[in-house]
Amino acid sequence: MSEDEQQEQTIAEDLVVTKYKMGADIANRALKAVTEAAKPGVSVLSLCEKGDAFIAAETGKVFKKEKEIKKGIAFPTCVSVNNFVCHFSPLKSDPDYTLQDGDLVKIDLGVHVDGFISNVAHSFVVGDAPVTGRKADVIKAAHLCAEAALRLVKPGNQVREGSKDHEKAEFEVHEVYAVDVLVSTGEGKAKDSGRRTTVYKRDPSKQYGLKMKTSRVFFSEVERRFDAMPFTLRYTGVLNCNKEPSV
């Protein structure tokens, strides 16, 4: 492979921008579809499945002739309610949750086209009643924090200017960043809910010799279908992979 072929693609190229825009359009429409479906009496699992099915269907419509271009879910649809911070995407065998009036819901999902990722998230309160009190406060605070953080994403600025707990780095021209803001009315300290982990990603930096044939088959499937993208166990037939060091 030549040096030019190895060079990383950036948004300096029109085709890369097009792929980002395609992914962003699908992600925004998926988010809209899930948000509109989030009504009292609707289950969290059904919303997660709806979002993922939408992404799979819509990404299947782009670059249909270019078989070598992969596209699809970059982060599985997660619907986290009330005190759940994020990344709640239950399996069919897990206890589900049915939305109720007044629930504060956080939806996050991601789409990629040829590996170029577009992530979106949205917080809202279920029902038609006006949002007031602490719920309104925390949603507005998150929005204002995100707006402030976006203003800091400029070439030459330090990443730490927008975050206290991030590794030291500098924003660069043609780089693409995701701004993720979480705000709580409590202490802001996450606790283990006791629920099983259902969203995983392969760690390409780790190499491990798998002894069992079933483990090797599973890992090959993860590499083939998801590469290094996060995925939900719901689409693998596996109930738990906490003991697998490579994911």
C-alpha atoms as a PDB file:
ATOM      1  CA  MET A   1       0.000   0.000   0.000  1.00  0.00           C
ATOM      2  CA  SER A   2       1.352   3.439  -0.938  1.00  0.00           C
ATOM      3  CA  GLU A   3       1.906   6.290   1.498  1.00  0.00           C
ATOM      4  CA  ASP A   4      -1.038   8.168  -0.037  1.00  0.00           C
ATOM      5  CA  GLU A   5      -3.351   5.189   0.500  1.00  0.00           C
ATOM      6  CA  GLN A   6      -2.268   4.932   4.126  1.00  0.00           C
ATOM      7  CA  GLN A   7      -2.931   8.626   4.788  1.00  0.00           C
ATOM      8  CA  GLU A   8      -5.866   9.179   7.114  1.00  0.00           C
ATOM      9  CA  GLN A   9      -8.967  10.577   5.451  1.00  0.00           C
ATOM     10  CA  THR A  10     -10.356  13.811   6.925  1.00  0.00           C
ATOM     11  CA  ILE A  11     -13.183  16.259   6.318  1.00  0.00           C
ATOM     12  CA  ALA A  12     -10.823  18.150   4.015  1.00  0.00           C
ATOM     13  CA  GLU A  13     -12.150  15.687   1.420  1.00  0.00           C
ATOM     14  CA  ASP A  14     -15.653  16.276   0.048  1.00  0.00           C
ATOM     15  CA  LEU A  15     -16.498  12.559   0.018  1.00  0.00           C
ATOM     16  CA  VAL A  16     -15.687  12.245   3.725  1.00  0.00           C
ATOM     17  CA  VAL A  17     -17.965  15.204   4.499  1.00  0.00           C
ATOM     18  CA  THR A  18     -20.700  13.550   2.436  1.00  0.00           C
ATOM     19  CA  LYS A  19     -20.379  10.329   4.434  1.00  0.00           C
ATOM     20  CA  TYR A  20     -20.543  12.217   7.731  1.00  0.00           C
ATOM     21  CA  LYS A  21     -23.631  14.099   6.521  1.00  0.00           C
ATOM     22  CA  MET A  22     -25.317  10.883   5.398  1.00  0.00           C
ATOM     23  CA  GLY A  23     -24.690   9.305   8.789  1.00  0.00           C
ATOM     24  CA  ALA A  24     -25.825  12.425  10.634  1.00  0.00           C
ATOM     25  CA  ASP A  25     -29.046  12.626   8.625  1.00  0.00           C
ATOM     26  CA  ILE A  26     -29.880   8.994   9.390  1.00  0.00           C
ATOM     27  CA  ALA A  27     -28.940   9.412  13.055  1.00  0.00           C
ATOM     28  CA  ASN A  28     -31.148  12.484  13.445  1.00  0.00           C
ATOM     29  CA  ARG A  29     -34.093  10.775  11.758  1.00  0.00           C
ATOM     30  CA  ALA A  30     -33.618   7.669  13.902  1.00  0.00           C
ATOM     31  CA  LEU A  31     -33.547   9.831  17.029  1.00  0.00           C
ATOM     32  CA  LYS A  32     -36.731  11.608  15.908  1.00  0.00           C
ATOM     33  CA  ALA A  33     -38.482   8.279  15.264  1.00  0.00           C
ATOM     34  CA  VAL A  34     -37.554   6.891  18.690  1.00  0.00           C
ATOM     35  CA  THR A  35     -38.449  10.134  20.478  1.00  0.00           C
ATOM     36  CA  GLU A  36     -41.872  10.300  18.823  1.00  0.00           C
ATOM     37  CA  ALA A  37     -42.540   6.665  19.757  1.00  0.00           C
ATOM     38  CA  ALA A  38     -41.602   7.211  23.419  1.00  0.00           C
ATOM     39  CA  LYS A  39     -45.107   7.425  24.875  1.00  0.00           C
ATOM     40  CA  PRO A  40     -46.552   6.210  28.195  1.00  0.00           C
ATOM     41  CA  GLY A  41     -47.005   2.433  28.072  1.00  0.00           C
ATOM     42  CA  VAL A  42     -44.213   1.832  25.548  1.00  0.00           C
ATOM     43  CA  SER A  43     -41.359  -0.474  26.554  1.00  0.00           C
ATOM     44  CA  VAL A  44     -37.708   0.568  26.542  1.00  0.00           C
ATOM     45  CA  LEU A  45     -36.719  -2.616  24.688  1.00  0.00           C
ATOM     46  CA  SER A  46     -39.132  -1.870  21.839  1.00  0.00           C
ATOM     47  CA  LEU A  47     -37.667   1.634  21.482  1.00  0.00           C
ATOM     48  CA  CYS A  48     -34.106   0.280  21.345  1.00  0.00           C
ATOM     49  CA  GLU A  49     -35.116  -2.243  18.694  1.00  0.00           C
ATOM     50  CA  LYS A  50     -36.972   0.438  16.737  1.00  0.00           C
ATOM     51  CA  GLY A  51     -33.935   2.716  16.626  1.00  0.00           C
ATOM     52  CA  ASP A  52     -31.551  -0.044  15.570  1.00  0.00           C
ATOM     53  CA  ALA A  53     -33.946  -1.343  12.905  1.00  0.00           C
ATOM     54  CA  PHE A  54     -34.330   2.175  11.499  1.00  0.00           C
ATOM     55  CA  ILE A  55     -30.552   2.648  11.279  1.00  0.00           C
ATOM     56  CA  ALA A  56     -30.032  -0.746   9.640  1.00  0.00           C
ATOM     57  CA  ALA A  57     -32.760  -0.081   7.066  1.00  0.00           C
ATOM     58  CA  GLU A  58     -31.649   3.444   6.170  1.00  0.00           C
ATOM     59  CA  THR A  59     -27.912   2.743   5.976  1.00  0.00           C
ATOM     60  CA  GLY A  60     -28.757  -0.165   3.688  1.00  0.00           C
ATOM     61  CA  LYS A  61     -30.040   2.371   1.150  1.00  0.00           C
ATOM     62  CA  VAL A  62     -26.774   4.311   0.746  1.00  0.00           C
ATOM     63  CA  PHE A  63     -23.714   3.267  -1.275  1.00  0.00           C
ATOM     64  CA  LYS A  64     -25.576   0.145  -2.404  1.00  0.00           C
ATOM     65  CA  LYS A  65     -23.244  -0.438  -5.353  1.00  0.00           C
ATOM     66  CA  GLU A  66     -20.055  -0.041  -3.299  1.00  0.00           C
ATOM     67  CA  LYS A  67     -20.079  -3.435  -1.598  1.00  0.00           C
ATOM     68  CA  GLU A  68     -16.738  -2.782   0.113  1.00  0.00           C
ATOM     69  CA  ILE A  69     -18.146   0.178   2.072  1.00  0.00           C
ATOM     70  CA  LYS A  70     -19.426  -0.862   5.475  1.00  0.00           C
ATOM     71  CA  LYS A  71     -22.163   1.122   7.173  1.00  0.00           C
ATOM     72  CA  GLY A  72     -24.675   0.684   9.953  1.00  0.00           C
ATOM     73  CA  ILE A  73     -24.923   1.039  13.715  1.00  0.00           C
ATOM     74  CA  ALA A  74     -21.963   2.835  15.295  1.00  0.00           C
ATOM     75  CA  PHE A  75     -23.563   2.771  18.742  1.00  0.00           C
ATOM     76  CA  PRO A  76     -26.684   0.734  19.552  1.00  0.00           C
ATOM     77  CA  THR A  77     -29.812   2.653  20.490  1.00  0.00           C
ATOM     78  CA  CYS A  78     -29.935   3.138  24.256  1.00  0.00           C
ATOM     79  CA  VAL A  79     -32.891   4.456  26.249  1.00  0.00           C
ATOM     80  CA  SER A  80     -31.996   5.390  29.825  1.00  0.00           C
ATOM     81  CA  VAL A  81     -34.818   6.456  32.138  1.00  0.00           C
ATOM     82  CA  ASN A  82     -34.693   8.703  35.210  1.00  0.00           C
ATOM     83  CA  ASN A  83     -31.708   7.778  37.421  1.00  0.00           C
ATOM     84  CA  PHE A  84     -30.066   5.551  34.764  1.00  0.00           C
ATOM     85  CA  VAL A  85     -27.174   7.606  33.410  1.00  0.00           C
ATOM     86  CA  CYS A  86     -26.733   6.142  29.928  1.00  0.00           C
ATOM     87  CA  HIS A  87     -26.233   3.085  27.692  1.00  0.00           C
ATOM     88  CA  PHE A  88     -29.302   1.141  28.862  1.00  0.00           C
ATOM     89  CA  SER A  89     -30.192  -1.311  26.100  1.00  0.00           C
ATOM     90  CA  PRO A  90     -31.788  -4.435  27.611  1.00  0.00           C
ATOM     91  CA  LEU A  91     -31.805  -7.941  26.191  1.00  0.00           C
ATOM     92  CA  LYS A  92     -35.089  -9.701  25.524  1.00  0.00           C
ATOM     93  CA  SER A  93     -34.377 -11.922  28.526  1.00  0.00           C
ATOM     94  CA  ASP A  94     -33.820  -8.925  30.842  1.00  0.00           C
ATOM     95  CA  PRO A  95     -36.489  -7.177  32.922  1.00  0.00           C
ATOM     96  CA  ASP A  96     -37.953  -4.471  30.686  1.00  0.00           C
ATOM     97  CA  TYR A  97     -39.243  -1.047  31.685  1.00  0.00           C
ATOM     98  CA  THR A  98     -42.480   0.577  30.522  1.00  0.00           C
ATOM     99  CA  LEU A  99     -42.457   4.345  30.146  1.00  0.00           C
ATOM    100  CA  GLN A 100     -44.725   6.421  32.358  1.00  0.00           C
ATOM    101  CA  ASP A 101     -45.882  10.033  32.338  1.00  0.00           C
ATOM    102  CA  GLY A 102     -43.196  12.264  33.805  1.00  0.00           C
ATOM    103  CA  ASP A 103     -40.249   9.928  33.149  1.00  0.00           C
ATOM    104  CA  LEU A 104     -37.045  11.731  32.170  1.00  0.00           C
ATOM    105  CA  VAL A 105     -35.676   9.828  29.176  1.00  0.00           C
ATOM    106  CA  LYS A 106     -32.200   9.967  27.617  1.00  0.00           C
ATOM    107  CA  ILE A 107     -31.786   8.498  24.129  1.00  0.00           C
ATOM    108  CA  ASP A 108     -28.399   8.006  22.493  1.00  0.00           C
ATOM    109  CA  LEU A 109     -27.421   6.230  19.285  1.00  0.00           C
ATOM    110  CA  GLY A 110     -24.794   6.318  16.557  1.00  0.00           C
ATOM    111  CA  VAL A 111     -24.521   5.738  12.808  1.00  0.00           C
ATOM    112  CA  HIS A 112     -21.473   5.195  10.638  1.00  0.00           C
ATOM    113  CA  VAL A 113     -20.922   5.295   6.895  1.00  0.00           C
ATOM    114  CA  ASP A 114     -17.593   3.775   5.876  1.00  0.00           C
ATOM    115  CA  GLY A 115     -16.371   4.118   9.461  1.00  0.00           C
ATOM    116  CA  PHE A 116     -17.189   7.837   9.752  1.00  0.00           C
ATOM    117  CA  ILE A 117     -19.326   8.131  12.877  1.00  0.00           C
ATOM    118  CA  SER A 118     -22.224  10.442  13.725  1.00  0.00           C
ATOM    119  CA  ASN A 119     -23.540  10.227  17.304  1.00  0.00           C
ATOM    120  CA  VAL A 120     -26.672  11.922  18.628  1.00  0.00           C
ATOM    121  CA  ALA A 121     -28.448  12.119  21.979  1.00  0.00           C
ATOM    122  CA  HIS A 122     -31.555  13.781  23.375  1.00  0.00           C
ATOM    123  CA  SER A 123     -33.199  14.194  26.785  1.00  0.00           C
ATOM    124  CA  PHE A 124     -36.912  14.826  27.299  1.00  0.00           C
ATOM    125  CA  VAL A 125     -39.804  14.186  29.670  1.00  0.00           C
ATOM    126  CA  VAL A 126     -42.539  11.716  28.684  1.00  0.00           C
ATOM    127  CA  GLY A 127     -46.048  13.102  28.331  1.00  0.00           C
ATOM    128  CA  ASP A 128     -47.702  16.337  27.291  1.00  0.00           C
ATOM    129  CA  ALA A 129     -47.577  18.167  30.614  1.00  0.00           C
ATOM    130  CA  PRO A 130     -45.274  21.218  30.869  1.00  0.00           C
ATOM    131  CA  VAL A 131     -41.804  20.348  32.179  1.00  0.00           C
ATOM    132  CA  THR A 132     -41.126  22.206  35.413  1.00  0.00           C
ATOM    133  CA  GLY A 133     -39.013  22.055  38.571  1.00  0.00           C
ATOM    134  CA  ARG A 134     -35.752  20.164  38.829  1.00  0.00           C
ATOM    135  CA  LYS A 135     -36.345  18.190  35.623  1.00  0.00           C
ATOM    136  CA  ALA A 136     -36.631  21.414  33.650  1.00  0.00           C
ATOM    137  CA  ASP A 137     -33.569  22.810  35.417  1.00  0.00           C
ATOM    138  CA  VAL A 138     -31.334  19.843  34.627  1.00  0.00           C
ATOM    139  CA  ILE A 139     -32.399  19.658  30.961  1.00  0.00           C
ATOM    140  CA  LYS A 140     -31.728  23.379  30.472  1.00  0.00           C
ATOM    141  CA  ALA A 141     -28.401  23.104  32.312  1.00  0.00           C
ATOM    142  CA  ALA A 142     -27.283  20.255  30.036  1.00  0.00           C
ATOM    143  CA  HIS A 143     -28.289  22.236  26.945  1.00  0.00           C
ATOM    144  CA  LEU A 144     -26.415  25.361  28.048  1.00  0.00           C
ATOM    145  CA  CYS A 145     -23.326  23.329  28.993  1.00  0.00           C
ATOM    146  CA  ALA A 146     -23.313  21.661  25.575  1.00  0.00           C
ATOM    147  CA  GLU A 147     -23.631  25.046  23.840  1.00  0.00           C
ATOM    148  CA  ALA A 148     -20.751  26.420  25.913  1.00  0.00           C
ATOM    149  CA  ALA A 149     -18.585  23.365  25.214  1.00  0.00           C
ATOM    150  CA  LEU A 150     -19.215  23.625  21.463  1.00  0.00           C
ATOM    151  CA  ARG A 151     -17.893  27.183  21.495  1.00  0.00           C
ATOM    152  CA  LEU A 152     -14.607  25.887  22.897  1.00  0.00           C
ATOM    153  CA  VAL A 153     -14.067  23.353  20.114  1.00  0.00           C
ATOM    154  CA  LYS A 154     -11.652  25.460  18.078  1.00  0.00           C
ATOM    155  CA  PRO A 155      -8.212  24.687  16.634  1.00  0.00           C
ATOM    156  CA  GLY A 156      -5.537  25.354  19.253  1.00  0.00           C
ATOM    157  CA  ASN A 157      -7.838  25.107  22.270  1.00  0.00           C
ATOM    158  CA  GLN A 158      -7.068  22.431  24.842  1.00  0.00           C
ATOM    159  CA  VAL A 159      -9.592  19.633  25.344  1.00  0.00           C
ATOM    160  CA  ARG A 160      -9.245  20.168  29.096  1.00  0.00           C
ATOM    161  CA  GLU A 161     -10.707  23.655  28.699  1.00  0.00           C
ATOM    162  CA  GLY A 162     -14.047  21.986  28.202  1.00  0.00           C
ATOM    163  CA  SER A 163     -13.603  19.135  30.685  1.00  0.00           C
ATOM    164  CA  LYS A 164     -11.900  18.532  34.006  1.00  0.00           C
ATOM    165  CA  ASP A 165     -11.448  14.808  33.589  1.00  0.00           C
ATOM    166  CA  HIS A 166     -10.197  14.398  30.027  1.00  0.00           C
ATOM    167  CA  GLU A 167      -6.725  13.514  28.822  1.00  0.00           C
ATOM    168  CA  LYS A 168      -4.658  16.497  27.737  1.00  0.00           C
ATOM    169  CA  ALA A 169      -4.995  17.111  24.001  1.00  0.00           C
ATOM    170  CA  GLU A 170      -5.420  19.953  21.547  1.00  0.00           C
ATOM    171  CA  PHE A 171      -8.224  20.444  19.039  1.00  0.00           C
ATOM    172  CA  GLU A 172      -6.899  20.228  15.483  1.00  0.00           C
ATOM    173  CA  VAL A 173      -8.131  21.388  12.094  1.00  0.00           C
ATOM    174  CA  HIS A 174     -10.186  18.767  10.172  1.00  0.00           C
ATOM    175  CA  GLU A 175     -10.609  16.573  13.277  1.00  0.00           C
ATOM    176  CA  VAL A 176     -14.142  15.511  14.263  1.00  0.00           C
ATOM    177  CA  TYR A 177     -15.230  15.429  17.906  1.00  0.00           C
ATOM    178  CA  ALA A 178     -18.296  14.297  19.834  1.00  0.00           C
ATOM    179  CA  VAL A 179     -19.419  16.619  22.636  1.00  0.00           C
ATOM    180  CA  ASP A 180     -21.143  14.576  25.342  1.00  0.00           C
ATOM    181  CA  VAL A 181     -22.601  16.405  28.357  1.00  0.00           C
ATOM    182  CA  LEU A 182     -24.181  14.716  31.375  1.00  0.00           C
ATOM    183  CA  VAL A 183     -25.753  16.787  34.160  1.00  0.00           C
ATOM    184  CA  SER A 184     -27.394  15.544  37.362  1.00  0.00           C
ATOM    185  CA  THR A 185     -29.514  17.095  40.106  1.00  0.00           C
ATOM    186  CA  GLY A 186     -27.659  14.818  42.523  1.00  0.00           C
ATOM    187  CA  GLU A 187     -23.981  14.432  43.370  1.00  0.00           C
ATOM    188  CA  GLY A 188     -23.108  13.296  39.860  1.00  0.00           C
ATOM    189  CA  LYS A 189     -21.532  10.054  41.071  1.00  0.00           C
ATOM    190  CA  ALA A 190     -22.653   7.001  39.112  1.00  0.00           C
ATOM    191  CA  LYS A 191     -23.431   3.785  40.997  1.00  0.00           C
ATOM    192  CA  ASP A 192     -23.685   0.207  39.776  1.00  0.00           C
ATOM    193  CA  SER A 193     -27.344  -0.561  39.098  1.00  0.00           C
ATOM    194  CA  GLY A 194     -26.818  -4.303  39.398  1.00  0.00           C
ATOM    195  CA  ARG A 195     -27.969  -4.785  35.803  1.00  0.00           C
ATOM    196  CA  ARG A 196     -25.818  -6.815  33.437  1.00  0.00           C
ATOM    197  CA  THR A 197     -23.696  -5.008  30.867  1.00  0.00           C
ATOM    198  CA  THR A 198     -25.213  -5.383  27.402  1.00  0.00           C
ATOM    199  CA  VAL A 199     -23.187  -2.937  25.288  1.00  0.00           C
ATOM    200  CA  TYR A 200     -19.595  -3.906  24.461  1.00  0.00           C
ATOM    201  CA  LYS A 201     -16.879  -3.072  21.942  1.00  0.00           C
ATOM    202  CA  ARG A 202     -13.832  -4.940  20.742  1.00  0.00           C
ATOM    203  CA  ASP A 203     -10.495  -3.671  22.027  1.00  0.00           C
ATOM    204  CA  PRO A 204      -8.125  -3.838  19.008  1.00  0.00           C
ATOM    205  CA  SER A 205      -5.129  -3.146  21.271  1.00  0.00           C
ATOM    206  CA  LYS A 206      -5.573  -6.438  23.125  1.00  0.00           C
ATOM    207  CA  GLN A 207      -4.541  -9.797  21.695  1.00  0.00           C
ATOM    208  CA  TYR A 208      -5.679 -12.931  23.484  1.00  0.00           C
ATOM    209  CA  GLY A 209      -5.462 -16.581  22.465  1.00  0.00           C
ATOM    210  CA  LEU A 210      -8.982 -17.977  22.774  1.00  0.00           C
ATOM    211  CA  LYS A 211      -8.990 -21.664  23.694  1.00  0.00           C
ATOM    212  CA  MET A 212     -12.646 -22.543  23.192  1.00  0.00           C
ATOM    213  CA  LYS A 213     -14.015 -22.932  19.673  1.00  0.00           C
ATOM    214  CA  THR A 214     -17.252 -21.165  20.616  1.00  0.00           C
ATOM    215  CA  SER A 215     -15.250 -18.170  21.869  1.00  0.00           C
ATOM    216  CA  ARG A 216     -13.267 -18.008  18.639  1.00  0.00           C
ATOM    217  CA  VAL A 217     -16.447 -18.196  16.566  1.00  0.00           C
ATOM    218  CA  PHE A 218     -18.048 -15.437  18.647  1.00  0.00           C
ATOM    219  CA  PHE A 219     -14.988 -13.204  18.402  1.00  0.00           C
ATOM    220  CA  SER A 220     -14.789 -13.698  14.633  1.00  0.00           C
ATOM    221  CA  GLU A 221     -18.435 -12.681  14.363  1.00  0.00           C
ATOM    222  CA  VAL A 222     -17.764  -9.538  16.398  1.00  0.00           C
ATOM    223  CA  GLU A 223     -14.810  -8.621  14.156  1.00  0.00           C
ATOM    224  CA  ARG A 224     -16.803  -9.252  10.988  1.00  0.00           C
ATOM    225  CA  ARG A 225     -20.042  -7.530  11.961  1.00  0.00           C
ATOM    226  CA  PHE A 226     -18.945  -4.717  14.267  1.00  0.00           C
ATOM    227  CA  ASP A 227     -15.194  -4.216  13.785  1.00  0.00           C
ATOM    228  CA  ALA A 228     -14.270  -1.876  16.683  1.00  0.00           C
ATOM    229  CA  MET A 229     -17.764  -0.340  16.979  1.00  0.00           C
ATOM    230  CA  PRO A 230     -19.843  -0.779  20.146  1.00  0.00           C
ATOM    231  CA  PHE A 231     -22.536  -3.446  19.834  1.00  0.00           C
ATOM    232  CA  THR A 232     -25.351  -4.916  21.883  1.00  0.00           C
ATOM    233  CA  LEU A 233     -25.412  -8.570  22.904  1.00  0.00           C
ATOM    234  CA  ARG A 234     -29.023  -8.598  21.730  1.00  0.00           C
ATOM    235  CA  TYR A 235     -27.768  -9.212  18.186  1.00  0.00           C
ATOM    236  CA  THR A 236     -25.185 -11.879  18.980  1.00  0.00           C
ATOM    237  CA  GLY A 237     -27.119 -14.555  20.858  1.00  0.00           C
ATOM    238  CA  VAL A 238     -24.650 -14.238  23.757  1.00  0.00           C
ATOM    239  CA  LEU A 239     -25.915 -13.377  27.233  1.00  0.00           C
ATOM    240  CA  ASN A 240     -22.685 -12.153  28.798  1.00  0.00           C
ATOM    241  CA  CYS A 241     -19.065 -11.557  27.780  1.00  0.00           C
ATOM    242  CA  ASN A 242     -17.673  -9.987  30.956  1.00  0.00           C
ATOM    243  CA  LYS A 243     -14.980 -12.671  31.130  1.00  0.00           C
ATOM    244  CA  GLU A 244     -13.759 -12.041  27.577  1.00  0.00           C
ATOM    245  CA  PRO A 245     -10.616  -9.854  27.851  1.00  0.00           C
ATOM    246  CA  SER A 246     -10.684  -8.764  24.217  1.00  0.00           C
ATOM    247  CA  VAL A 247     -14.013  -6.913  24.490  1.00  0.00           C
END
